[in-house]
Amino acid sequence: MDINTRARYNYSGWCSPKGTGTIPIEHRKPGAAVFIHSTTENAITHVGFLDEPVDPAKPGGDWYVIEAKGVLYGVVRTKMNGRGWNRWGLMTKYYDYGDDARTYEPELGSRMLEKSSVGPDVKELQETLISLGYSCGKWGADGDFGGDTETAVKAFQHDEGLIMDGKYGPKTHEALTLRVMASETREPESDLVTPPVAPPLPSGKRVVVTGNSVNLRVGPGTEYDKAGVVYKGDALEYANANEWLPVKRGGALLWISGAYAKLEGMPT
């Protein structure tokens, strides 16, 4: 019998759920299996089992894996990220992980988040961005890092002077944490600058957004609070021609920078 048969059958016949790539964070628990699929052999050739996170405070990071590495090494404990584990599975056919088995949910900032990432930390990111005025699209905080969330992250990075790569890494996490802290300690609304009253609204006019992702504000200037995000090509009811353009959205008077929007029919 081929020496690789057992590991191969472990994956194909014993595991459910299972998948390719790095084991998702929601399935990382002691006893979960990881496998190596060899392109040379065109088969699964090795199996290991998760033990515990390398850093208990960061379960979304690296894990220790118990594996029988071979005659020259014996049974060893190695770090998951240091090996070529490219398949994973829970061996539920023969092993009861139990309802009370230790599970680890990633905290926001414990891992890189980017398009296609899913999890409770993605949902927390979305909720935080939305609370700061960045739209995550029609699905809102659904825990799925899609294109709208990527656009929101880029808009935040732009406002913070960061590289606009749409990925939520350490620098973006630090900036977001500081922004949240600042918003929680800001002065009471009674002490804030009062936005100006809008002039009479001409009829039949619209403001067309020319920037890719632009903040709406409650007053004409960056010192005013954000009230949402609009995107290139959006058109809003026109309120007045000025450096900051007053617009109406949902019945509310808001303002958008004339650097990123124009009166419909006017040159950019």
C-alpha atoms as a PDB file:
ATOM      1  CA  MET A   1       0.000   0.000   0.000  1.00  0.00           C
ATOM      2  CA  ASP A   2       1.207   3.512  -0.833  1.00  0.00           C
ATOM      3  CA  ILE A   3       2.553   5.206   2.284  1.00  0.00           C
ATOM      4  CA  ASN A   4       0.562   8.326   1.346  1.00  0.00           C
ATOM      5  CA  THR A   5      -2.786   6.538   1.234  1.00  0.00           C
ATOM      6  CA  ARG A   6      -3.709   7.114   4.882  1.00  0.00           C
ATOM      7  CA  ALA A   7      -3.197  10.889   4.823  1.00  0.00           C
ATOM      8  CA  ARG A   8      -5.036  11.049   1.512  1.00  0.00           C
ATOM      9  CA  TYR A   9      -7.990   9.065   2.880  1.00  0.00           C
ATOM     10  CA  ASN A  10      -7.974  11.106   6.090  1.00  0.00           C
ATOM     11  CA  TYR A  11      -8.784  14.144   3.994  1.00  0.00           C
ATOM     12  CA  SER A  12     -11.174  12.589   1.480  1.00  0.00           C
ATOM     13  CA  GLY A  13     -13.152  10.284   3.752  1.00  0.00           C
ATOM     14  CA  TRP A  14     -12.875  11.540   7.306  1.00  0.00           C
ATOM     15  CA  CYS A  15     -13.148  15.332   7.037  1.00  0.00           C
ATOM     16  CA  SER A  16     -16.273  17.478   6.901  1.00  0.00           C
ATOM     17  CA  PRO A  17     -16.025  20.407   6.528  1.00  0.00           C
ATOM     18  CA  LYS A  18     -12.773  20.654   4.569  1.00  0.00           C
ATOM     19  CA  GLY A  19     -11.152  22.860   1.990  1.00  0.00           C
ATOM     20  CA  THR A  20      -8.058  24.112   0.203  1.00  0.00           C
ATOM     21  CA  GLY A  21      -5.635  26.803   1.270  1.00  0.00           C
ATOM     22  CA  THR A  22      -4.986  27.989   4.822  1.00  0.00           C
ATOM     23  CA  ILE A  23      -7.480  26.764   7.401  1.00  0.00           C
ATOM     24  CA  PRO A  24     -10.094  29.506   8.031  1.00  0.00           C
ATOM     25  CA  ILE A  25      -9.978  31.148  11.424  1.00  0.00           C
ATOM     26  CA  GLU A  26     -13.496  30.016  12.352  1.00  0.00           C
ATOM     27  CA  HIS A  27     -12.370  26.356  12.047  1.00  0.00           C
ATOM     28  CA  ARG A  28      -9.125  26.698  13.979  1.00  0.00           C
ATOM     29  CA  LYS A  29      -9.402  24.642  17.144  1.00  0.00           C
ATOM     30  CA  PRO A  30      -7.273  22.008  18.857  1.00  0.00           C
ATOM     31  CA  GLY A  31      -7.437  18.776  16.859  1.00  0.00           C
ATOM     32  CA  ALA A  32      -8.337  20.373  13.526  1.00  0.00           C
ATOM     33  CA  ALA A  33      -6.332  18.763  10.724  1.00  0.00           C
ATOM     34  CA  VAL A  34      -4.059  20.392   8.174  1.00  0.00           C
ATOM     35  CA  PHE A  35      -2.613  18.636   5.146  1.00  0.00           C
ATOM     36  CA  ILE A  36       0.093  19.038   2.529  1.00  0.00           C
ATOM     37  CA  HIS A  37      -0.944  18.391  -1.053  1.00  0.00           C
ATOM     38  CA  SER A  38       2.168  17.704  -3.121  1.00  0.00           C
ATOM     39  CA  THR A  39       2.132  18.925  -6.706  1.00  0.00           C
ATOM     40  CA  THR A  40       4.917  16.441  -7.477  1.00  0.00           C
ATOM     41  CA  GLU A  41       2.918  13.481  -6.166  1.00  0.00           C
ATOM     42  CA  ASN A  42      -0.409  15.049  -7.179  1.00  0.00           C
ATOM     43  CA  ALA A  43      -1.776  13.806  -3.867  1.00  0.00           C
ATOM     44  CA  ILE A  44      -2.016  14.603  -0.173  1.00  0.00           C
ATOM     45  CA  THR A  45       1.171  13.314   1.422  1.00  0.00           C
ATOM     46  CA  HIS A  46       1.163  14.581   5.003  1.00  0.00           C
ATOM     47  CA  VAL A  47      -1.170  15.413   7.897  1.00  0.00           C
ATOM     48  CA  GLY A  48      -0.794  17.433  11.103  1.00  0.00           C
ATOM     49  CA  PHE A  49      -3.088  18.588  13.892  1.00  0.00           C
ATOM     50  CA  LEU A  50      -3.549  22.054  15.391  1.00  0.00           C
ATOM     51  CA  ASP A  51      -2.474  22.347  19.020  1.00  0.00           C
ATOM     52  CA  GLU A  52      -2.821  25.981  20.151  1.00  0.00           C
ATOM     53  CA  PRO A  53      -2.148  29.542  18.928  1.00  0.00           C
ATOM     54  CA  VAL A  54       1.464  30.668  19.050  1.00  0.00           C
ATOM     55  CA  ASP A  55       0.186  33.847  20.744  1.00  0.00           C
ATOM     56  CA  PRO A  56      -3.037  33.142  22.712  1.00  0.00           C
ATOM     57  CA  ALA A  57      -3.930  36.833  22.404  1.00  0.00           C
ATOM     58  CA  LYS A  58      -3.845  36.585  18.603  1.00  0.00           C
ATOM     59  CA  PRO A  59      -5.763  33.454  17.574  1.00  0.00           C
ATOM     60  CA  GLY A  60      -5.950  34.824  14.041  1.00  0.00           C
ATOM     61  CA  GLY A  61      -2.191  34.470  13.757  1.00  0.00           C
ATOM     62  CA  ASP A  62       0.114  31.481  13.650  1.00  0.00           C
ATOM     63  CA  TRP A  63      -0.622  28.117  15.366  1.00  0.00           C
ATOM     64  CA  TYR A  64       1.467  25.226  16.608  1.00  0.00           C
ATOM     65  CA  VAL A  65       0.963  21.947  14.726  1.00  0.00           C
ATOM     66  CA  ILE A  66       1.691  18.426  16.000  1.00  0.00           C
ATOM     67  CA  GLU A  67       2.983  16.166  13.225  1.00  0.00           C
ATOM     68  CA  ALA A  68       4.883  12.915  12.685  1.00  0.00           C
ATOM     69  CA  LYS A  69       7.582  14.396  10.474  1.00  0.00           C
ATOM     70  CA  GLY A  70       9.444  11.223   9.622  1.00  0.00           C
ATOM     71  CA  VAL A  71      12.033   8.685  10.810  1.00  0.00           C
ATOM     72  CA  LEU A  72      14.785  11.279  11.200  1.00  0.00           C
ATOM     73  CA  TYR A  73      12.644  13.728  13.196  1.00  0.00           C
ATOM     74  CA  GLY A  74       9.886  11.766  14.953  1.00  0.00           C
ATOM     75  CA  VAL A  75       6.795  13.532  16.304  1.00  0.00           C
ATOM     76  CA  VAL A  76       7.441  17.278  16.423  1.00  0.00           C
ATOM     77  CA  ARG A  77       5.649  20.517  17.234  1.00  0.00           C
ATOM     78  CA  THR A  78       6.152  23.136  14.544  1.00  0.00           C
ATOM     79  CA  LYS A  79       4.603  26.447  13.562  1.00  0.00           C
ATOM     80  CA  MET A  80       1.869  26.241  10.942  1.00  0.00           C
ATOM     81  CA  ASN A  81       3.118  29.215   8.912  1.00  0.00           C
ATOM     82  CA  GLY A  82       6.556  27.632   8.606  1.00  0.00           C
ATOM     83  CA  ARG A  83       5.287  24.646   6.616  1.00  0.00           C
ATOM     84  CA  GLY A  84       3.446  24.180   3.336  1.00  0.00           C
ATOM     85  CA  TRP A  85       0.015  23.279   4.749  1.00  0.00           C
ATOM     86  CA  ASN A  86      -2.406  23.846   1.886  1.00  0.00           C
ATOM     87  CA  ARG A  87      -5.448  21.732   2.807  1.00  0.00           C
ATOM     88  CA  TRP A  88      -7.514  21.579   5.997  1.00  0.00           C
ATOM     89  CA  GLY A  89     -10.399  19.632   7.512  1.00  0.00           C
ATOM     90  CA  LEU A  90     -12.254  18.701  10.675  1.00  0.00           C
ATOM     91  CA  MET A  91     -12.172  14.915  11.150  1.00  0.00           C
ATOM     92  CA  THR A  92     -15.789  14.716  12.296  1.00  0.00           C
ATOM     93  CA  LYS A  93     -16.244  11.139  11.029  1.00  0.00           C
ATOM     94  CA  TYR A  94     -14.126   9.722  13.840  1.00  0.00           C
ATOM     95  CA  TYR A  95     -13.565  12.610  16.234  1.00  0.00           C
ATOM     96  CA  ASP A  96     -16.109  14.534  18.314  1.00  0.00           C
ATOM     97  CA  TYR A  97     -14.852  18.081  18.717  1.00  0.00           C
ATOM     98  CA  GLY A  98     -17.732  18.776  21.117  1.00  0.00           C
ATOM     99  CA  ASP A  99     -19.960  21.811  21.381  1.00  0.00           C
ATOM    100  CA  ASP A 100     -17.765  23.200  24.129  1.00  0.00           C
ATOM    101  CA  ALA A 101     -14.475  22.743  22.270  1.00  0.00           C
ATOM    102  CA  ARG A 102     -12.228  25.787  22.352  1.00  0.00           C
ATOM    103  CA  THR A 103     -12.827  28.033  19.392  1.00  0.00           C
ATOM    104  CA  TYR A 104     -11.051  31.253  18.569  1.00  0.00           C
ATOM    105  CA  GLU A 105     -12.569  34.310  16.945  1.00  0.00           C
ATOM    106  CA  PRO A 106     -10.138  36.872  15.557  1.00  0.00           C
ATOM    107  CA  GLU A 107     -10.130  40.307  17.153  1.00  0.00           C
ATOM    108  CA  LEU A 108      -9.998  43.373  14.934  1.00  0.00           C
ATOM    109  CA  GLY A 109      -6.338  44.140  14.290  1.00  0.00           C
ATOM    110  CA  SER A 110      -5.092  40.601  14.933  1.00  0.00           C
ATOM    111  CA  ARG A 111      -4.751  39.796  11.220  1.00  0.00           C
ATOM    112  CA  MET A 112      -4.620  41.426   7.804  1.00  0.00           C
ATOM    113  CA  LEU A 113      -8.095  41.973   6.336  1.00  0.00           C
ATOM    114  CA  GLU A 114      -8.616  42.328   2.629  1.00  0.00           C
ATOM    115  CA  LYS A 115     -11.115  41.522  -0.098  1.00  0.00           C
ATOM    116  CA  SER A 116     -12.679  38.056   0.482  1.00  0.00           C
ATOM    117  CA  SER A 117     -11.862  38.044   4.226  1.00  0.00           C
ATOM    118  CA  VAL A 118     -14.795  37.002   6.422  1.00  0.00           C
ATOM    119  CA  GLY A 119     -15.366  36.898  10.153  1.00  0.00           C
ATOM    120  CA  PRO A 120     -16.466  38.846  13.227  1.00  0.00           C
ATOM    121  CA  ASP A 121     -13.456  41.152  12.943  1.00  0.00           C
ATOM    122  CA  VAL A 122     -14.571  42.125   9.434  1.00  0.00           C
ATOM    123  CA  LYS A 123     -18.028  42.932  10.813  1.00  0.00           C
ATOM    124  CA  GLU A 124     -16.492  45.066  13.581  1.00  0.00           C
ATOM    125  CA  LEU A 125     -14.412  46.907  10.978  1.00  0.00           C
ATOM    126  CA  GLN A 126     -17.511  47.575   8.880  1.00  0.00           C
ATOM    127  CA  GLU A 127     -19.516  48.771  11.887  1.00  0.00           C
ATOM    128  CA  THR A 128     -16.714  51.142  12.873  1.00  0.00           C
ATOM    129  CA  LEU A 129     -16.311  52.550   9.364  1.00  0.00           C
ATOM    130  CA  ILE A 130     -20.063  53.091   9.058  1.00  0.00           C
ATOM    131  CA  SER A 131     -20.154  54.881  12.419  1.00  0.00           C
ATOM    132  CA  LEU A 132     -17.487  57.255  11.096  1.00  0.00           C
ATOM    133  CA  GLY A 133     -19.463  58.023   7.946  1.00  0.00           C
ATOM    134  CA  TYR A 134     -17.937  55.554   5.466  1.00  0.00           C
ATOM    135  CA  SER A 135     -20.457  53.487   3.547  1.00  0.00           C
ATOM    136  CA  CYS A 136     -19.870  49.728   3.240  1.00  0.00           C
ATOM    137  CA  GLY A 137     -22.562  49.311   0.602  1.00  0.00           C
ATOM    138  CA  LYS A 138     -26.125  48.084   0.725  1.00  0.00           C
ATOM    139  CA  TRP A 139     -25.264  44.987   2.775  1.00  0.00           C
ATOM    140  CA  GLY A 140     -23.718  47.055   5.550  1.00  0.00           C
ATOM    141  CA  ALA A 141     -21.877  45.202   8.313  1.00  0.00           C
ATOM    142  CA  ASP A 142     -22.328  41.624   7.090  1.00  0.00           C
ATOM    143  CA  GLY A 143     -18.887  40.296   8.052  1.00  0.00           C
ATOM    144  CA  ASP A 144     -17.899  39.795   4.397  1.00  0.00           C
ATOM    145  CA  PHE A 145     -15.068  41.995   3.060  1.00  0.00           C
ATOM    146  CA  GLY A 146     -16.330  42.819  -0.422  1.00  0.00           C
ATOM    147  CA  GLY A 147     -15.752  45.583  -2.942  1.00  0.00           C
ATOM    148  CA  ASP A 148     -17.790  48.181  -1.042  1.00  0.00           C
ATOM    149  CA  THR A 149     -15.833  47.563   2.154  1.00  0.00           C
ATOM    150  CA  GLU A 150     -12.597  47.817   0.193  1.00  0.00           C
ATOM    151  CA  THR A 151     -13.761  51.192  -1.173  1.00  0.00           C
ATOM    152  CA  ALA A 152     -14.614  52.353   2.355  1.00  0.00           C
ATOM    153  CA  VAL A 153     -11.162  51.327   3.625  1.00  0.00           C
ATOM    154  CA  LYS A 154      -9.518  53.191   0.732  1.00  0.00           C
ATOM    155  CA  ALA A 155     -11.571  56.306   1.515  1.00  0.00           C
ATOM    156  CA  PHE A 156     -10.480  56.122   5.156  1.00  0.00           C
ATOM    157  CA  GLN A 157      -6.851  55.593   4.157  1.00  0.00           C
ATOM    158  CA  HIS A 158      -7.076  58.606   1.845  1.00  0.00           C
ATOM    159  CA  ASP A 159      -8.387  60.790   4.681  1.00  0.00           C
ATOM    160  CA  GLU A 160      -5.592  59.591   6.975  1.00  0.00           C
ATOM    161  CA  GLY A 161      -2.805  60.066   4.427  1.00  0.00           C
ATOM    162  CA  LEU A 162      -2.097  56.332   4.192  1.00  0.00           C
ATOM    163  CA  ILE A 163      -1.336  54.179   1.150  1.00  0.00           C
ATOM    164  CA  MET A 164      -4.715  53.477  -0.475  1.00  0.00           C
ATOM    165  CA  ASP A 165      -4.360  49.725  -1.011  1.00  0.00           C
ATOM    166  CA  GLY A 166      -7.772  48.815   0.466  1.00  0.00           C
ATOM    167  CA  LYS A 167      -6.167  46.373   2.919  1.00  0.00           C
ATOM    168  CA  TYR A 168      -6.714  46.649   6.650  1.00  0.00           C
ATOM    169  CA  GLY A 169      -3.290  46.158   8.193  1.00  0.00           C
ATOM    170  CA  PRO A 170      -1.436  47.453  11.287  1.00  0.00           C
ATOM    171  CA  LYS A 171      -1.072  51.086  10.127  1.00  0.00           C
ATOM    172  CA  THR A 172      -4.723  51.369   9.114  1.00  0.00           C
ATOM    173  CA  HIS A 173      -5.795  49.698  12.356  1.00  0.00           C
ATOM    174  CA  GLU A 174      -3.748  52.199  14.376  1.00  0.00           C
ATOM    175  CA  ALA A 175      -5.248  55.127  12.465  1.00  0.00           C
ATOM    176  CA  LEU A 176      -8.786  53.795  12.891  1.00  0.00           C
ATOM    177  CA  THR A 177      -8.259  53.254  16.622  1.00  0.00           C
ATOM    178  CA  LEU A 178      -7.041  56.838  17.025  1.00  0.00           C
ATOM    179  CA  ARG A 179      -9.966  58.174  14.986  1.00  0.00           C
ATOM    180  CA  VAL A 180     -12.460  56.298  17.156  1.00  0.00           C
ATOM    181  CA  MET A 181     -10.782  57.572  20.323  1.00  0.00           C
ATOM    182  CA  ALA A 182     -10.934  61.128  18.989  1.00  0.00           C
ATOM    183  CA  SER A 183     -14.617  60.795  18.086  1.00  0.00           C
ATOM    184  CA  GLU A 184     -15.436  59.503  21.561  1.00  0.00           C
ATOM    185  CA  THR A 185     -13.665  62.403  23.288  1.00  0.00           C
ATOM    186  CA  ARG A 186     -14.756  65.269  21.045  1.00  0.00           C
ATOM    187  CA  GLU A 187     -16.505  68.322  22.451  1.00  0.00           C
ATOM    188  CA  PRO A 188     -20.299  68.280  23.013  1.00  0.00           C
ATOM    189  CA  GLU A 189     -22.378  69.254  20.001  1.00  0.00           C
ATOM    190  CA  SER A 190     -23.400  72.506  21.695  1.00  0.00           C
ATOM    191  CA  ASP A 191     -19.767  73.637  21.495  1.00  0.00           C
ATOM    192  CA  LEU A 192     -19.291  72.726  17.832  1.00  0.00           C
ATOM    193  CA  VAL A 193     -19.380  75.226  14.981  1.00  0.00           C
ATOM    194  CA  THR A 194     -22.948  75.704  13.788  1.00  0.00           C
ATOM    195  CA  PRO A 195     -23.340  74.876  10.076  1.00  0.00           C
ATOM    196  CA  PRO A 196     -24.643  77.749   7.929  1.00  0.00           C
ATOM    197  CA  VAL A 197     -28.238  77.903   6.806  1.00  0.00           C
ATOM    198  CA  ALA A 198     -28.738  76.940   3.174  1.00  0.00           C
ATOM    199  CA  PRO A 199     -29.976  79.507   0.639  1.00  0.00           C
ATOM    200  CA  PRO A 200     -33.207  78.901  -1.299  1.00  0.00           C
ATOM    201  CA  LEU A 201     -32.881  75.813  -3.501  1.00  0.00           C
ATOM    202  CA  PRO A 202     -33.105  76.352  -7.274  1.00  0.00           C
ATOM    203  CA  SER A 203     -35.263  73.730  -8.934  1.00  0.00           C
ATOM    204  CA  GLY A 204     -34.158  71.281 -11.600  1.00  0.00           C
ATOM    205  CA  LYS A 205     -30.464  71.322 -10.657  1.00  0.00           C
ATOM    206  CA  ARG A 206     -28.238  68.451  -9.510  1.00  0.00           C
ATOM    207  CA  VAL A 207     -24.656  68.126  -8.249  1.00  0.00           C
ATOM    208  CA  VAL A 208     -22.670  65.336  -9.936  1.00  0.00           C
ATOM    209  CA  VAL A 209     -19.882  63.644  -7.946  1.00  0.00           C
ATOM    210  CA  THR A 210     -16.541  63.691  -9.804  1.00  0.00           C
ATOM    211  CA  GLY A 211     -14.280  62.194  -7.098  1.00  0.00           C
ATOM    212  CA  ASN A 212     -14.085  58.430  -6.640  1.00  0.00           C
ATOM    213  CA  SER A 213     -15.243  58.381  -3.008  1.00  0.00           C
ATOM    214  CA  VAL A 214     -16.202  61.666  -1.323  1.00  0.00           C
ATOM    215  CA  ASN A 215     -17.395  62.465   2.203  1.00  0.00           C
ATOM    216  CA  LEU A 216     -20.612  64.395   2.772  1.00  0.00           C
ATOM    217  CA  ARG A 217     -20.354  66.855   5.679  1.00  0.00           C
ATOM    218  CA  VAL A 218     -22.923  68.722   7.778  1.00  0.00           C
ATOM    219  CA  GLY A 219     -21.162  72.035   7.031  1.00  0.00           C
ATOM    220  CA  PRO A 220     -18.915  73.567   4.324  1.00  0.00           C
ATOM    221  CA  GLY A 221     -15.448  72.562   5.514  1.00  0.00           C
ATOM    222  CA  THR A 222     -13.377  69.638   6.751  1.00  0.00           C
ATOM    223  CA  GLU A 223     -13.914  70.686  10.385  1.00  0.00           C
ATOM    224  CA  TYR A 224     -17.552  69.647  10.151  1.00  0.00           C
ATOM    225  CA  ASP A 225     -18.769  66.127  10.956  1.00  0.00           C
ATOM    226  CA  LYS A 226     -19.103  63.521   8.204  1.00  0.00           C
ATOM    227  CA  ALA A 227     -22.593  62.426   7.183  1.00  0.00           C
ATOM    228  CA  GLY A 228     -21.940  59.622   4.709  1.00  0.00           C
ATOM    229  CA  VAL A 229     -20.012  58.887   1.510  1.00  0.00           C
ATOM    230  CA  VAL A 230     -20.966  59.382  -2.155  1.00  0.00           C
ATOM    231  CA  TYR A 231     -19.248  57.928  -5.199  1.00  0.00           C
ATOM    232  CA  LYS A 232     -18.216  59.050  -8.676  1.00  0.00           C
ATOM    233  CA  GLY A 233     -21.226  59.497 -10.932  1.00  0.00           C
ATOM    234  CA  ASP A 234     -23.753  59.952  -8.094  1.00  0.00           C
ATOM    235  CA  ALA A 235     -26.072  62.934  -8.570  1.00  0.00           C
ATOM    236  CA  LEU A 236     -27.604  64.907  -5.701  1.00  0.00           C
ATOM    237  CA  GLU A 237     -30.156  67.740  -5.614  1.00  0.00           C
ATOM    238  CA  TYR A 238     -28.313  71.052  -6.000  1.00  0.00           C
ATOM    239  CA  ALA A 239     -28.636  73.674  -3.278  1.00  0.00           C
ATOM    240  CA  ASN A 240     -26.220  76.512  -4.157  1.00  0.00           C
ATOM    241  CA  ALA A 241     -23.103  77.204  -6.261  1.00  0.00           C
ATOM    242  CA  ASN A 242     -20.068  77.838  -4.043  1.00  0.00           C
ATOM    243  CA  GLU A 243     -16.700  76.401  -3.073  1.00  0.00           C
ATOM    244  CA  TRP A 244     -18.632  73.955  -0.875  1.00  0.00           C
ATOM    245  CA  LEU A 245     -21.840  72.791  -2.529  1.00  0.00           C
ATOM    246  CA  PRO A 246     -24.933  72.312  -0.364  1.00  0.00           C
ATOM    247  CA  VAL A 247     -26.951  69.254  -1.369  1.00  0.00           C
ATOM    248  CA  LYS A 248     -30.019  67.424  -0.115  1.00  0.00           C
ATOM    249  CA  ARG A 249     -30.013  63.703   0.646  1.00  0.00           C
ATOM    250  CA  GLY A 250     -32.847  61.958   2.444  1.00  0.00           C
ATOM    251  CA  GLY A 251     -34.372  65.368   3.254  1.00  0.00           C
ATOM    252  CA  ALA A 252     -31.251  66.528   5.126  1.00  0.00           C
ATOM    253  CA  LEU A 253     -29.087  69.520   4.190  1.00  0.00           C
ATOM    254  CA  LEU A 254     -25.473  68.365   3.699  1.00  0.00           C
ATOM    255  CA  TRP A 255     -22.340  69.747   2.042  1.00  0.00           C
ATOM    256  CA  ILE A 256     -19.818  68.365  -0.424  1.00  0.00           C
ATOM    257  CA  SER A 257     -16.457  69.814  -1.474  1.00  0.00           C
ATOM    258  CA  GLY A 258     -16.492  71.563  -4.855  1.00  0.00           C
ATOM    259  CA  ALA A 259     -13.116  69.962  -5.511  1.00  0.00           C
ATOM    260  CA  TYR A 260     -14.825  66.623  -5.968  1.00  0.00           C
ATOM    261  CA  ALA A 261     -18.249  67.568  -7.348  1.00  0.00           C
ATOM    262  CA  LYS A 262     -19.737  69.960  -9.883  1.00  0.00           C
ATOM    263  CA  LEU A 263     -23.054  71.481 -10.783  1.00  0.00           C
ATOM    264  CA  GLU A 264     -24.680  69.373 -13.457  1.00  0.00           C
ATOM    265  CA  GLY A 265     -24.038  70.821 -16.902  1.00  0.00           C
ATOM    266  CA  MET A 266     -20.959  72.793 -15.791  1.00  0.00           C
ATOM    267  CA  PRO A 267     -17.375  71.879 -16.858  1.00  0.00           C
ATOM    268  CA  THR A 268     -15.274  69.887 -14.391  1.00  0.00           C
END
